[in-house]
C-alpha atoms as a PDB file:
ATOM      1  CA  SER A   1      -3.542  17.441  12.517  1.00  0.00           C
ATOM      2  CA  TYR A   2      -4.005  19.955   9.712  1.00  0.00           C
ATOM      3  CA  VAL A   3      -1.565  21.545   7.298  1.00  0.00           C
ATOM      4  CA  PRO A   4      -0.596  25.195   7.792  1.00  0.00           C
ATOM      5  CA  ASP A   5      -3.074  27.650   6.261  1.00  0.00           C
ATOM      6  CA  MET A   6      -5.860  25.088   6.520  1.00  0.00           C
ATOM      7  CA  LEU A   7      -8.593  27.718   6.527  1.00  0.00           C
ATOM      8  CA  GLU A   8      -7.560  28.937   3.082  1.00  0.00           C
ATOM      9  CA  ARG A   9      -6.507  25.587   1.624  1.00  0.00           C
ATOM     10  CA  ARG A  10      -9.678  23.711   2.599  1.00  0.00           C
ATOM     11  CA  GLN A  11     -12.086  25.907   0.615  1.00  0.00           C
ATOM     12  CA  PRO A  12     -12.076  23.878  -2.644  1.00  0.00           C
ATOM     13  CA  HIS A  13     -12.754  20.691  -0.636  1.00  0.00           C
ATOM     14  CA  ARG A  14     -15.115  21.937   2.092  1.00  0.00           C
ATOM     15  CA  ALA A  15     -18.446  21.037   0.467  1.00  0.00           C
ATOM     16  CA  ALA A  16     -17.235  17.515  -0.353  1.00  0.00           C
ATOM     17  CA  HIS A  17     -15.834  17.147   3.187  1.00  0.00           C
ATOM     18  CA  LEU A  18     -19.173  18.066   4.769  1.00  0.00           C
ATOM     19  CA  GLU A  19     -21.069  15.803   2.357  1.00  0.00           C
ATOM     20  CA  HIS A  20     -18.676  12.938   3.168  1.00  0.00           C
ATOM     21  CA  TRP A  21     -19.736  12.997   6.820  1.00  0.00           C
ATOM     22  CA  LYS A  22     -23.465  13.496   6.145  1.00  0.00           C
ATOM     23  CA  ARG A  23     -24.425   9.798   6.285  1.00  0.00           C
ATOM     24  CA  ASP A  24     -22.750   9.424   9.677  1.00  0.00           C
ATOM     25  CA  ILE A  25     -24.488  12.552  10.958  1.00  0.00           C
ATOM     26  CA  ASP A  26     -27.858  11.426   9.586  1.00  0.00           C
ATOM     27  CA  SER A  27     -27.493   7.946  11.113  1.00  0.00           C
ATOM     28  CA  GLY A  28     -26.589   9.418  14.502  1.00  0.00           C
ATOM     29  CA  ALA A  29     -23.190   7.705  14.553  1.00  0.00           C
ATOM     30  CA  LEU A  30     -21.249  10.964  14.308  1.00  0.00           C
ATOM     31  CA  ARG A  31     -22.291  12.743  17.476  1.00  0.00           C
ATOM     32  CA  LEU A  32     -19.989  15.787  17.516  1.00  0.00           C
ATOM     33  CA  ALA A  33     -17.299  17.184  15.222  1.00  0.00           C
ATOM     34  CA  GLY A  34     -15.354  20.379  14.878  1.00  0.00           C
ATOM     35  CA  ALA A  35     -11.988  22.032  14.484  1.00  0.00           C
ATOM     36  CA  TYR A  36      -9.749  23.009  17.355  1.00  0.00           C
ATOM     37  CA  GLY A  37      -8.986  26.656  17.946  1.00  0.00           C
ATOM     38  CA  PRO A  38      -6.495  27.553  16.638  1.00  0.00           C
ATOM     39  CA  VAL A  39      -7.376  25.515  13.580  1.00  0.00           C
ATOM     40  CA  ASP A  40      -4.613  22.907  13.731  1.00  0.00           C
ATOM     41  CA  GLY A  41      -6.757  19.775  13.915  1.00  0.00           C
ATOM     42  CA  ALA A  42     -10.238  18.500  14.682  1.00  0.00           C
ATOM     43  CA  LEU A  43     -12.153  16.132  16.918  1.00  0.00           C
ATOM     44  CA  PHE A  44     -14.857  13.714  15.779  1.00  0.00           C
ATOM     45  CA  VAL A  45     -16.929  11.803  18.352  1.00  0.00           C
ATOM     46  CA  PHE A  46     -18.583   8.615  17.112  1.00  0.00           C
ATOM     47  CA  ARG A  47     -20.877   6.232  18.885  1.00  0.00           C
ATOM     48  CA  GLY A  48     -21.651   2.651  17.946  1.00  0.00           C
ATOM     49  CA  LYS A  49     -18.986   2.247  15.236  1.00  0.00           C
ATOM     50  CA  THR A  50     -15.805   0.208  15.223  1.00  0.00           C
ATOM     51  CA  ARG A  51     -12.355   1.734  15.199  1.00  0.00           C
ATOM     52  CA  ALA A  52     -11.812   0.234  11.718  1.00  0.00           C
ATOM     53  CA  TYR A  53     -14.962   1.951  10.442  1.00  0.00           C
ATOM     54  CA  VAL A  54     -13.949   5.342  11.828  1.00  0.00           C
ATOM     55  CA  GLU A  55     -10.400   5.043  10.498  1.00  0.00           C
ATOM     56  CA  GLU A  56     -11.663   4.139   7.013  1.00  0.00           C
ATOM     57  CA  ARG A  57     -14.094   7.062   7.003  1.00  0.00           C
ATOM     58  CA  ALA A  58     -11.269   9.410   8.036  1.00  0.00           C
ATOM     59  CA  ARG A  59      -8.921   7.971   5.401  1.00  0.00           C
ATOM     60  CA  THR A  60     -11.468   8.634   2.645  1.00  0.00           C
ATOM     61  CA  ASP A  61     -12.373  12.159   3.820  1.00  0.00           C
ATOM     62  CA  PRO A  62     -11.778  14.667   0.991  1.00  0.00           C
ATOM     63  CA  TYR A  63      -9.463  16.661   3.272  1.00  0.00           C
ATOM     64  CA  CYS A  64      -7.292  13.571   3.780  1.00  0.00           C
ATOM     65  CA  LEU A  65      -7.375  12.694   0.086  1.00  0.00           C
ATOM     66  CA  ALA A  66      -6.237  16.260  -0.720  1.00  0.00           C
ATOM     67  CA  GLU A  67      -3.365  15.824   1.772  1.00  0.00           C
ATOM     68  CA  LEU A  68      -4.664  18.580   4.060  1.00  0.00           C
ATOM     69  CA  VAL A  69      -4.605  16.208   7.036  1.00  0.00           C
ATOM     70  CA  PRO A  70      -1.100  14.758   7.360  1.00  0.00           C
ATOM     71  CA  SER A  71      -2.000  12.505  10.301  1.00  0.00           C
ATOM     72  CA  THR A  72      -4.981  11.146  12.185  1.00  0.00           C
ATOM     73  CA  SER A  73      -5.394   9.170  15.367  1.00  0.00           C
ATOM     74  CA  THR A  74      -8.280   7.159  16.728  1.00  0.00           C
ATOM     75  CA  VAL A  75      -8.814   6.426  20.402  1.00  0.00           C
ATOM     76  CA  ASP A  76     -11.540   4.761  22.411  1.00  0.00           C
ATOM     77  CA  TRP A  77     -13.168   7.041  24.955  1.00  0.00           C
ATOM     78  CA  THR A  78     -15.453   6.401  27.908  1.00  0.00           C
ATOM     79  CA  VAL A  79     -17.701   9.166  29.223  1.00  0.00           C
ATOM     80  CA  VAL A  80     -17.197   9.358  32.994  1.00  0.00           C
ATOM     81  CA  VAL A  81     -19.021  12.579  33.820  1.00  0.00           C
ATOM     82  CA  GLY A  82     -21.367  14.759  31.840  1.00  0.00           C
ATOM     83  CA  ALA A  83     -24.261  14.091  29.574  1.00  0.00           C
ATOM     84  CA  ASP A  84     -24.387  10.845  27.683  1.00  0.00           C
ATOM     85  CA  LEU A  85     -25.047  11.621  24.048  1.00  0.00           C
ATOM     86  CA  GLY A  86     -27.949   9.222  23.895  1.00  0.00           C
ATOM     87  CA  THR A  87     -28.442   5.941  22.143  1.00  0.00           C
ATOM     88  CA  PRO A  88     -26.904   5.606  18.669  1.00  0.00           C
END
């Protein structure tokens, strides 16, 4: 979840936040990510990483470090229908 007024409050941290996730994007581990509408949280879809890895990456995200994300949750997910996002 995000703090109220996230759109305004994130601006000083946005570049660092995007850079933080770049290695996971470049490696193909981070398959999809984006904020909910309304902007009260976000979803990140990983493939081929452990829950501990994902939780550590979230914990060290600049938004979390700036206390803009008061809580996170990590769940395992199995694609049942739809396109598989390919091999990690």
